[in-house]
Amino acid sequence: MKLEKHVTITTVSSREFNQNTSRAKKAARKGPVFITDRGQPAHVLLTIEDYRKLTGEHMSLRQALEHSEGDFAFEPEKLKGPLSRPVDLS
């Protein structure tokens, strides 16, 4: 069983986002950040990990290490078929 992290949804105006992008990026680590224009949701800021989960895109170990800021979720695909096969020495 896989436990999901607690998700926090943050909403900021476009003006707040422009004035403090680093705060929005930090908030995105805890969940999506909705960016509004004139009070209406216009954009969503996600971490690359959350985006990949949403789209079902798998990440290689190299990519995970390049984008890592500490711990990261790496779930390799399960192997299919036998792990070994007979060798033909004829």
PDB file of N, CA and C in Angstrom:
ATOM      1  N   MET A   1       0.837  -1.178   0.000  1.00  0.00           N
ATOM      2  CA  MET A   1       0.000   0.000   0.000  1.00  0.00           C
ATOM      3  C   MET A   1       0.882   1.242   0.000  1.00  0.00           C
ATOM      4  N   LYS A   2       0.570   2.181  -0.865  1.00  0.00           N
ATOM      5  CA  LYS A   2       1.366   3.409  -0.989  1.00  0.00           C
ATOM      6  C   LYS A   2       0.614   4.551  -0.312  1.00  0.00           C
ATOM      7  N   LEU A   3       1.270   5.242   0.598  1.00  0.00           N
ATOM      8  CA  LEU A   3       0.657   6.387   1.264  1.00  0.00           C
ATOM      9  C   LEU A   3       0.947   7.644   0.469  1.00  0.00           C
ATOM     10  N   GLU A   4      -0.062   8.434   0.218  1.00  0.00           N
ATOM     11  CA  GLU A   4       0.104   9.694  -0.502  1.00  0.00           C
ATOM     12  C   GLU A   4       0.461  10.791   0.488  1.00  0.00           C
ATOM     13  N   LYS A   5       1.285  11.722   0.050  1.00  0.00           N
ATOM     14  CA  LYS A   5       1.637  12.850   0.896  1.00  0.00           C
ATOM     15  C   LYS A   5       0.435  13.778   1.030  1.00  0.00           C
ATOM     16  N   HIS A   6       0.429  14.541   2.094  1.00  0.00           N
ATOM     17  CA  HIS A   6      -0.635  15.523   2.314  1.00  0.00           C
ATOM     18  C   HIS A   6      -0.518  16.621   1.256  1.00  0.00           C
ATOM     19  N   VAL A   7      -1.608  16.919   0.586  1.00  0.00           N
ATOM     20  CA  VAL A   7      -1.605  17.908  -0.492  1.00  0.00           C
ATOM     21  C   VAL A   7      -2.268  19.195   0.005  1.00  0.00           C
ATOM     22  N   THR A   8      -1.589  20.301  -0.202  1.00  0.00           N
ATOM     23  CA  THR A   8      -2.120  21.620   0.136  1.00  0.00           C
ATOM     24  C   THR A   8      -2.331  22.394  -1.156  1.00  0.00           C
ATOM     25  N   ILE A   9      -3.500  22.963  -1.336  1.00  0.00           N
ATOM     26  CA  ILE A   9      -3.787  23.772  -2.520  1.00  0.00           C
ATOM     27  C   ILE A   9      -3.617  25.239  -2.140  1.00  0.00           C
ATOM     28  N   THR A  10      -2.828  25.952  -2.924  1.00  0.00           N
ATOM     29  CA  THR A  10      -2.556  27.368  -2.678  1.00  0.00           C
ATOM     30  C   THR A  10      -3.093  28.177  -3.852  1.00  0.00           C
ATOM     31  N   THR A  11      -3.637  29.340  -3.564  1.00  0.00           N
ATOM     32  CA  THR A  11      -4.113  30.251  -4.612  1.00  0.00           C
ATOM     33  C   THR A  11      -3.417  31.594  -4.439  1.00  0.00           C
ATOM     34  N   VAL A  12      -2.850  32.091  -5.541  1.00  0.00           N
ATOM     35  CA  VAL A  12      -2.208  33.407  -5.522  1.00  0.00           C
ATOM     36  C   VAL A  12      -2.654  34.182  -6.756  1.00  0.00           C
ATOM     37  N   SER A  13      -2.664  35.497  -6.647  1.00  0.00           N
ATOM     38  CA  SER A  13      -2.981  36.328  -7.805  1.00  0.00           C
ATOM     39  C   SER A  13      -1.761  36.397  -8.721  1.00  0.00           C
ATOM     40  N   SER A  14      -1.983  36.773  -9.956  1.00  0.00           N
ATOM     41  CA  SER A  14      -0.864  36.941 -10.890  1.00  0.00           C
ATOM     42  C   SER A  14       0.146  37.944 -10.347  1.00  0.00           C
ATOM     43  N   ARG A  15      -0.362  38.986  -9.734  1.00  0.00           N
ATOM     44  CA  ARG A  15       0.516  40.019  -9.167  1.00  0.00           C
ATOM     45  C   ARG A  15       1.382  39.442  -8.049  1.00  0.00           C
ATOM     46  N   GLU A  16       0.751  38.674  -7.123  1.00  0.00           N
ATOM     47  CA  GLU A  16       1.515  38.046  -6.039  1.00  0.00           C
ATOM     48  C   GLU A  16       2.557  37.075  -6.602  1.00  0.00           C
ATOM     49  N   PHE A  17       2.160  36.317  -7.626  1.00  0.00           N
ATOM     50  CA  PHE A  17       3.076  35.370  -8.252  1.00  0.00           C
ATOM     51  C   PHE A  17       4.288  36.097  -8.831  1.00  0.00           C
ATOM     52  N   ASN A  18       4.050  37.196  -9.548  1.00  0.00           N
ATOM     53  CA  ASN A  18       5.146  37.964 -10.150  1.00  0.00           C
ATOM     54  C   ASN A  18       6.061  38.580  -9.097  1.00  0.00           C
ATOM     55  N   GLN A  19       5.494  38.970  -7.970  1.00  0.00           N
ATOM     56  CA  GLN A  19       6.285  39.605  -6.920  1.00  0.00           C
ATOM     57  C   GLN A  19       7.068  38.605  -6.074  1.00  0.00           C
ATOM     58  N   ASN A  20       6.568  37.361  -5.989  1.00  0.00           N
ATOM     59  CA  ASN A  20       7.229  36.395  -5.119  1.00  0.00           C
ATOM     60  C   ASN A  20       7.151  34.992  -5.717  1.00  0.00           C
ATOM     61  N   THR A  21       7.824  34.802  -6.829  1.00  0.00           N
ATOM     62  CA  THR A  21       7.825  33.516  -7.521  1.00  0.00           C
ATOM     63  C   THR A  21       8.404  32.415  -6.645  1.00  0.00           C
ATOM     64  N   SER A  22       9.441  32.718  -5.865  1.00  0.00           N
ATOM     65  CA  SER A  22      10.058  31.688  -5.034  1.00  0.00           C
ATOM     66  C   SER A  22       9.073  31.144  -3.997  1.00  0.00           C
ATOM     67  N   ARG A  23       8.203  31.991  -3.468  1.00  0.00           N
ATOM     68  CA  ARG A  23       7.187  31.539  -2.513  1.00  0.00           C
ATOM     69  C   ARG A  23       6.219  30.570  -3.191  1.00  0.00           C
ATOM     70  N   ALA A  24       5.827  30.884  -4.429  1.00  0.00           N
ATOM     71  CA  ALA A  24       4.912  30.006  -5.166  1.00  0.00           C
ATOM     72  C   ALA A  24       5.580  28.665  -5.470  1.00  0.00           C
ATOM     73  N   LYS A  25       6.847  28.684  -5.836  1.00  0.00           N
ATOM     74  CA  LYS A  25       7.569  27.436  -6.114  1.00  0.00           C
ATOM     75  C   LYS A  25       7.671  26.589  -4.852  1.00  0.00           C
ATOM     76  N   LYS A  26       7.909  27.227  -3.727  1.00  0.00           N
ATOM     77  CA  LYS A  26       7.984  26.509  -2.454  1.00  0.00           C
ATOM     78  C   LYS A  26       6.621  25.900  -2.109  1.00  0.00           C
ATOM     79  N   ALA A  27       5.558  26.648  -2.336  1.00  0.00           N
ATOM     80  CA  ALA A  27       4.205  26.145  -2.063  1.00  0.00           C
ATOM     81  C   ALA A  27       3.860  24.969  -2.976  1.00  0.00           C
ATOM     82  N   ALA A  28       4.394  24.963  -4.204  1.00  0.00           N
ATOM     83  CA  ALA A  28       4.111  23.888  -5.163  1.00  0.00           C
ATOM     84  C   ALA A  28       4.672  22.552  -4.689  1.00  0.00           C
ATOM     85  N   ARG A  29       5.650  22.568  -3.808  1.00  0.00           N
ATOM     86  CA  ARG A  29       6.182  21.313  -3.260  1.00  0.00           C
ATOM     87  C   ARG A  29       5.159  20.609  -2.384  1.00  0.00           C
ATOM     88  N   LYS A  30       4.169  21.364  -1.881  1.00  0.00           N
ATOM     89  CA  LYS A  30       3.140  20.794  -1.006  1.00  0.00           C
ATOM     90  C   LYS A  30       1.848  20.507  -1.753  1.00  0.00           C
ATOM     91  N   GLY A  31       1.727  21.009  -2.978  1.00  0.00           N
ATOM     92  CA  GLY A  31       0.518  20.795  -3.772  1.00  0.00           C
ATOM     93  C   GLY A  31       0.402  21.847  -4.853  1.00  0.00           C
ATOM     94  N   PRO A  32      -0.644  21.755  -5.671  1.00  0.00           N
ATOM     95  CA  PRO A  32      -0.791  22.696  -6.781  1.00  0.00           C
ATOM     96  C   PRO A  32      -0.982  24.136  -6.313  1.00  0.00           C
ATOM     97  N   VAL A  33      -0.470  25.058  -7.121  1.00  0.00           N
ATOM     98  CA  VAL A  33      -0.645  26.489  -6.854  1.00  0.00           C
ATOM     99  C   VAL A  33      -1.480  27.058  -7.996  1.00  0.00           C
ATOM    100  N   PHE A  34      -2.668  27.531  -7.660  1.00  0.00           N
ATOM    101  CA  PHE A  34      -3.547  28.148  -8.654  1.00  0.00           C
ATOM    102  C   PHE A  34      -3.203  29.623  -8.737  1.00  0.00           C
ATOM    103  N   ILE A  35      -2.965  30.090  -9.956  1.00  0.00           N
ATOM    104  CA  ILE A  35      -2.632  31.502 -10.196  1.00  0.00           C
ATOM    105  C   ILE A  35      -3.838  32.131 -10.873  1.00  0.00           C
ATOM    106  N   THR A  36      -4.333  33.199 -10.272  1.00  0.00           N
ATOM    107  CA  THR A  36      -5.562  33.813 -10.776  1.00  0.00           C
ATOM    108  C   THR A  36      -5.289  35.098 -11.548  1.00  0.00           C
ATOM    109  N   ASP A  37      -6.152  35.373 -12.510  1.00  0.00           N
ATOM    110  CA  ASP A  37      -6.212  36.654 -13.221  1.00  0.00           C
ATOM    111  C   ASP A  37      -7.601  37.224 -12.974  1.00  0.00           C
ATOM    112  N   ARG A  38      -7.641  38.399 -12.377  1.00  0.00           N
ATOM    113  CA  ARG A  38      -8.915  39.051 -12.050  1.00  0.00           C
ATOM    114  C   ARG A  38      -9.844  38.137 -11.252  1.00  0.00           C
ATOM    115  N   GLY A  39      -9.237  37.401 -10.318  1.00  0.00           N
ATOM    116  CA  GLY A  39     -10.019  36.551  -9.422  1.00  0.00           C
ATOM    117  C   GLY A  39     -10.413  35.194  -9.982  1.00  0.00           C
ATOM    118  N   GLN A  40     -10.082  34.924 -11.237  1.00  0.00           N
ATOM    119  CA  GLN A  40     -10.447  33.652 -11.869  1.00  0.00           C
ATOM    120  C   GLN A  40      -9.197  32.794 -12.073  1.00  0.00           C
ATOM    121  N   PRO A  41      -9.266  31.492 -11.767  1.00  0.00           N
ATOM    122  CA  PRO A  41      -8.111  30.619 -11.998  1.00  0.00           C
ATOM    123  C   PRO A  41      -7.675  30.680 -13.460  1.00  0.00           C
ATOM    124  N   ALA A  42      -6.386  30.892 -13.695  1.00  0.00           N
ATOM    125  CA  ALA A  42      -5.871  31.009 -15.060  1.00  0.00           C
ATOM    126  C   ALA A  42      -4.733  30.022 -15.341  1.00  0.00           C
ATOM    127  N   HIS A  43      -3.960  29.691 -14.304  1.00  0.00           N
ATOM    128  CA  HIS A  43      -2.804  28.799 -14.463  1.00  0.00           C
ATOM    129  C   HIS A  43      -2.666  27.940 -13.223  1.00  0.00           C
ATOM    130  N   VAL A  44      -1.922  26.833 -13.374  1.00  0.00           N
ATOM    131  CA  VAL A  44      -1.611  25.975 -12.232  1.00  0.00           C
ATOM    132  C   VAL A  44      -0.114  25.697 -12.255  1.00  0.00           C
ATOM    133  N   LEU A  45       0.544  25.888 -11.128  1.00  0.00           N
ATOM    134  CA  LEU A  45       1.960  25.593 -10.986  1.00  0.00           C
ATOM    135  C   LEU A  45       2.093  24.268 -10.234  1.00  0.00           C
ATOM    136  N   LEU A  46       2.845  23.315 -10.852  1.00  0.00           N
ATOM    137  CA  LEU A  46       3.080  22.006 -10.251  1.00  0.00           C
ATOM    138  C   LEU A  46       4.571  21.707 -10.243  1.00  0.00           C
ATOM    139  N   THR A  47       5.007  20.845  -9.334  1.00  0.00           N
ATOM    140  CA  THR A  47       6.378  20.346  -9.430  1.00  0.00           C
ATOM    141  C   THR A  47       6.427  19.405 -10.624  1.00  0.00           C
ATOM    142  N   ILE A  48       7.617  19.167 -11.146  1.00  0.00           N
ATOM    143  CA  ILE A  48       7.755  18.263 -12.282  1.00  0.00           C
ATOM    144  C   ILE A  48       7.314  16.857 -11.892  1.00  0.00           C
ATOM    145  N   GLU A  49       7.558  16.459 -10.652  1.00  0.00           N
ATOM    146  CA  GLU A  49       7.137  15.133 -10.199  1.00  0.00           C
ATOM    147  C   GLU A  49       5.621  15.007 -10.233  1.00  0.00           C
ATOM    148  N   ASP A  50       4.915  16.027  -9.734  1.00  0.00           N
ATOM    149  CA  ASP A  50       3.452  15.986  -9.744  1.00  0.00           C
ATOM    150  C   ASP A  50       2.913  16.005 -11.173  1.00  0.00           C
ATOM    151  N   TYR A  51       3.553  16.774 -12.036  1.00  0.00           N
ATOM    152  CA  TYR A  51       3.135  16.817 -13.437  1.00  0.00           C
ATOM    153  C   TYR A  51       3.284  15.437 -14.075  1.00  0.00           C
ATOM    154  N   ARG A  52       4.421  14.792 -13.823  1.00  0.00           N
ATOM    155  CA  ARG A  52       4.656  13.467 -14.413  1.00  0.00           C
ATOM    156  C   ARG A  52       3.676  12.435 -13.871  1.00  0.00           C
ATOM    157  N   LYS A  53       3.335  12.526 -12.589  1.00  0.00           N
ATOM    158  CA  LYS A  53       2.324  11.617 -12.034  1.00  0.00           C
ATOM    159  C   LYS A  53       0.982  11.850 -12.724  1.00  0.00           C
ATOM    160  N   LEU A  54       0.653  13.105 -12.934  1.00  0.00           N
ATOM    161  CA  LEU A  54      -0.615  13.462 -13.560  1.00  0.00           C
ATOM    162  C   LEU A  54      -0.701  12.965 -15.000  1.00  0.00           C
ATOM    163  N   THR A  55       0.406  13.059 -15.730  1.00  0.00           N
ATOM    164  CA  THR A  55       0.406  12.666 -17.137  1.00  0.00           C
ATOM    165  C   THR A  55       0.770  11.199 -17.336  1.00  0.00           C
ATOM    166  N   GLY A  56       1.223  10.527 -16.268  1.00  0.00           N
ATOM    167  CA  GLY A  56       1.612   9.130 -16.391  1.00  0.00           C
ATOM    168  C   GLY A  56       2.976   8.938 -17.017  1.00  0.00           C
ATOM    169  N   GLU A  57       3.720  10.013 -17.179  1.00  0.00           N
ATOM    170  CA  GLU A  57       5.062   9.929 -17.761  1.00  0.00           C
ATOM    171  C   GLU A  57       6.011   9.315 -16.743  1.00  0.00           C
ATOM    172  N   HIS A  58       6.794   8.332 -17.183  1.00  0.00           N
ATOM    173  CA  HIS A  58       7.775   7.705 -16.295  1.00  0.00           C
ATOM    174  C   HIS A  58       9.104   8.423 -16.424  1.00  0.00           C
ATOM    175  N   MET A  59       9.825   8.466 -15.348  1.00  0.00           N
ATOM    176  CA  MET A  59      11.096   9.165 -15.305  1.00  0.00           C
ATOM    177  C   MET A  59      12.216   8.132 -15.112  1.00  0.00           C
ATOM    178  N   SER A  60      13.307   8.302 -15.822  1.00  0.00           N
ATOM    179  CA  SER A  60      14.459   7.415 -15.652  1.00  0.00           C
ATOM    180  C   SER A  60      15.170   7.781 -14.354  1.00  0.00           C
ATOM    181  N   LEU A  61      16.022   6.888 -13.892  1.00  0.00           N
ATOM    182  CA  LEU A  61      16.791   7.172 -12.685  1.00  0.00           C
ATOM    183  C   LEU A  61      17.650   8.414 -12.888  1.00  0.00           C
ATOM    184  N   ARG A  62      18.249   8.561 -14.062  1.00  0.00           N
ATOM    185  CA  ARG A  62      19.065   9.738 -14.365  1.00  0.00           C
ATOM    186  C   ARG A  62      18.235  11.013 -14.239  1.00  0.00           C
ATOM    187  N   GLN A  63      17.041  11.008 -14.831  1.00  0.00           N
ATOM    188  CA  GLN A  63      16.175  12.191 -14.760  1.00  0.00           C
ATOM    189  C   GLN A  63      15.782  12.479 -13.317  1.00  0.00           C
ATOM    190  N   ALA A  64      15.466  11.450 -12.564  1.00  0.00           N
ATOM    191  CA  ALA A  64      15.075  11.640 -11.169  1.00  0.00           C
ATOM    192  C   ALA A  64      16.208  12.272 -10.370  1.00  0.00           C
ATOM    193  N   LEU A  65      17.426  11.811 -10.604  1.00  0.00           N
ATOM    194  CA  LEU A  65      18.566  12.375  -9.889  1.00  0.00           C
ATOM    195  C   LEU A  65      18.852  13.812 -10.311  1.00  0.00           C
ATOM    196  N   GLU A  66      18.667  14.117 -11.598  1.00  0.00           N
ATOM    197  CA  GLU A  66      18.894  15.482 -12.076  1.00  0.00           C
ATOM    198  C   GLU A  66      17.907  16.468 -11.471  1.00  0.00           C
ATOM    199  N   HIS A  67      16.673  16.047 -11.265  1.00  0.00           N
ATOM    200  CA  HIS A  67      15.618  16.944 -10.786  1.00  0.00           C
ATOM    201  C   HIS A  67      15.416  16.872  -9.278  1.00  0.00           C
ATOM    202  N   SER A  68      16.177  16.048  -8.626  1.00  0.00           N
ATOM    203  CA  SER A  68      15.977  15.824  -7.202  1.00  0.00           C
ATOM    204  C   SER A  68      16.513  16.975  -6.358  1.00  0.00           C
ATOM    205  N   GLU A  69      15.742  17.341  -5.357  1.00  0.00           N
ATOM    206  CA  GLU A  69      16.198  18.296  -4.346  1.00  0.00           C
ATOM    207  C   GLU A  69      16.237  17.591  -2.998  1.00  0.00           C
ATOM    208  N   GLY A  70      16.453  16.310  -3.018  1.00  0.00           N
ATOM    209  CA  GLY A  70      16.427  15.499  -1.799  1.00  0.00           C
ATOM    210  C   GLY A  70      15.805  14.164  -2.142  1.00  0.00           C
ATOM    211  N   ASP A  71      14.847  13.733  -1.334  1.00  0.00           N
ATOM    212  CA  ASP A  71      14.170  12.465  -1.588  1.00  0.00           C
ATOM    213  C   ASP A  71      13.285  12.580  -2.815  1.00  0.00           C
ATOM    214  N   PHE A  72      13.134  11.474  -3.527  1.00  0.00           N
ATOM    215  CA  PHE A  72      12.251  11.455  -4.682  1.00  0.00           C
ATOM    216  C   PHE A  72      11.652  10.073  -4.816  1.00  0.00           C
ATOM    217  N   ALA A  73      10.537  10.003  -5.500  1.00  0.00           N
ATOM    218  CA  ALA A  73       9.866   8.726  -5.741  1.00  0.00           C
ATOM    219  C   ALA A  73      10.381   8.148  -7.048  1.00  0.00           C
ATOM    220  N   PHE A  74      10.936   6.960  -6.978  1.00  0.00           N
ATOM    221  CA  PHE A  74      11.392   6.270  -8.183  1.00  0.00           C
ATOM    222  C   PHE A  74      10.764   4.899  -8.187  1.00  0.00           C
ATOM    223  N   GLU A  75       9.906   4.648  -9.147  1.00  0.00           N
ATOM    224  CA  GLU A  75       9.213   3.381  -9.239  1.00  0.00           C
ATOM    225  C   GLU A  75       9.506   2.763 -10.602  1.00  0.00           C
ATOM    226  N   PRO A  76      10.550   1.917 -10.682  1.00  0.00           N
ATOM    227  CA  PRO A  76      10.877   1.305 -11.968  1.00  0.00           C
ATOM    228  C   PRO A  76       9.781   0.353 -12.415  1.00  0.00           C
ATOM    229  N   GLU A  77       9.686   0.165 -13.719  1.00  0.00           N
ATOM    230  CA  GLU A  77       8.694  -0.762 -14.246  1.00  0.00           C
ATOM    231  C   GLU A  77       9.063  -2.172 -13.830  1.00  0.00           C
ATOM    232  N   LYS A  78       8.034  -3.006 -13.585  1.00  0.00           N
ATOM    233  CA  LYS A  78       8.274  -4.388 -13.207  1.00  0.00           C
ATOM    234  C   LYS A  78       8.785  -5.165 -14.413  1.00  0.00           C
ATOM    235  N   LEU A  79       9.714  -6.089 -14.137  1.00  0.00           N
ATOM    236  CA  LEU A  79      10.247  -6.931 -15.191  1.00  0.00           C
ATOM    237  C   LEU A  79       9.182  -7.899 -15.671  1.00  0.00           C
ATOM    238  N   LYS A  80       9.194  -8.171 -16.947  1.00  0.00           N
ATOM    239  CA  LYS A  80       8.229  -9.095 -17.535  1.00  0.00           C
ATOM    240  C   LYS A  80       8.972 -10.298 -18.076  1.00  0.00           C
ATOM    241  N   GLY A  81       8.382 -11.467 -17.943  1.00  0.00           N
ATOM    242  CA  GLY A  81       8.985 -12.676 -18.471  1.00  0.00           C
ATOM    243  C   GLY A  81      10.056 -13.211 -17.561  1.00  0.00           C
ATOM    244  N   PRO A  82      10.734 -14.288 -18.003  1.00  0.00           N
ATOM    245  CA  PRO A  82      11.775 -14.902 -17.168  1.00  0.00           C
ATOM    246  C   PRO A  82      12.983 -13.980 -17.049  1.00  0.00           C
ATOM    247  N   LEU A  83      13.672 -14.078 -15.901  1.00  0.00           N
ATOM    248  CA  LEU A  83      14.853 -13.262 -15.680  1.00  0.00           C
ATOM    249  C   LEU A  83      16.087 -13.841 -16.346  1.00  0.00           C
ATOM    250  N   SER A  84      16.028 -15.103 -16.757  1.00  0.00           N
ATOM    251  CA  SER A  84      17.154 -15.732 -17.443  1.00  0.00           C
ATOM    252  C   SER A  84      16.609 -16.609 -18.558  1.00  0.00           C
ATOM    253  N   ARG A  85      17.480 -16.992 -19.469  1.00  0.00           N
ATOM    254  CA  ARG A  85      17.083 -17.902 -20.543  1.00  0.00           C
ATOM    255  C   ARG A  85      18.250 -18.834 -20.826  1.00  0.00           C
ATOM    256  N   PRO A  86      17.955 -20.014 -21.350  1.00  0.00           N
ATOM    257  CA  PRO A  86      19.024 -20.967 -21.627  1.00  0.00           C
ATOM    258  C   PRO A  86      19.974 -20.432 -22.693  1.00  0.00           C
ATOM    259  N   VAL A  87      21.250 -20.787 -22.575  1.00  0.00           N
ATOM    260  CA  VAL A  87      22.254 -20.380 -23.538  1.00  0.00           C
ATOM    261  C   VAL A  87      22.493 -21.507 -24.522  1.00  0.00           C
ATOM    262  N   ASP A  88      22.524 -21.183 -25.801  1.00  0.00           N
ATOM    263  CA  ASP A  88      22.804 -22.178 -26.838  1.00  0.00           C
ATOM    264  C   ASP A  88      24.312 -22.211 -27.071  1.00  0.00           C
ATOM    265  N   LEU A  89      24.969 -23.328 -26.666  1.00  0.00           N
ATOM    266  CA  LEU A  89      26.419 -23.469 -26.804  1.00  0.00           C
ATOM    267  C   LEU A  89      26.815 -24.311 -28.008  1.00  0.00           C
ATOM    268  N   SER A  90      25.876 -24.564 -28.930  1.00  0.00           N
ATOM    269  CA  SER A  90      26.193 -25.405 -30.088  1.00  0.00           C
ATOM    270  C   SER A  90      26.956 -24.643 -31.156  1.00  0.00           C
TER     271      SER A  90
END
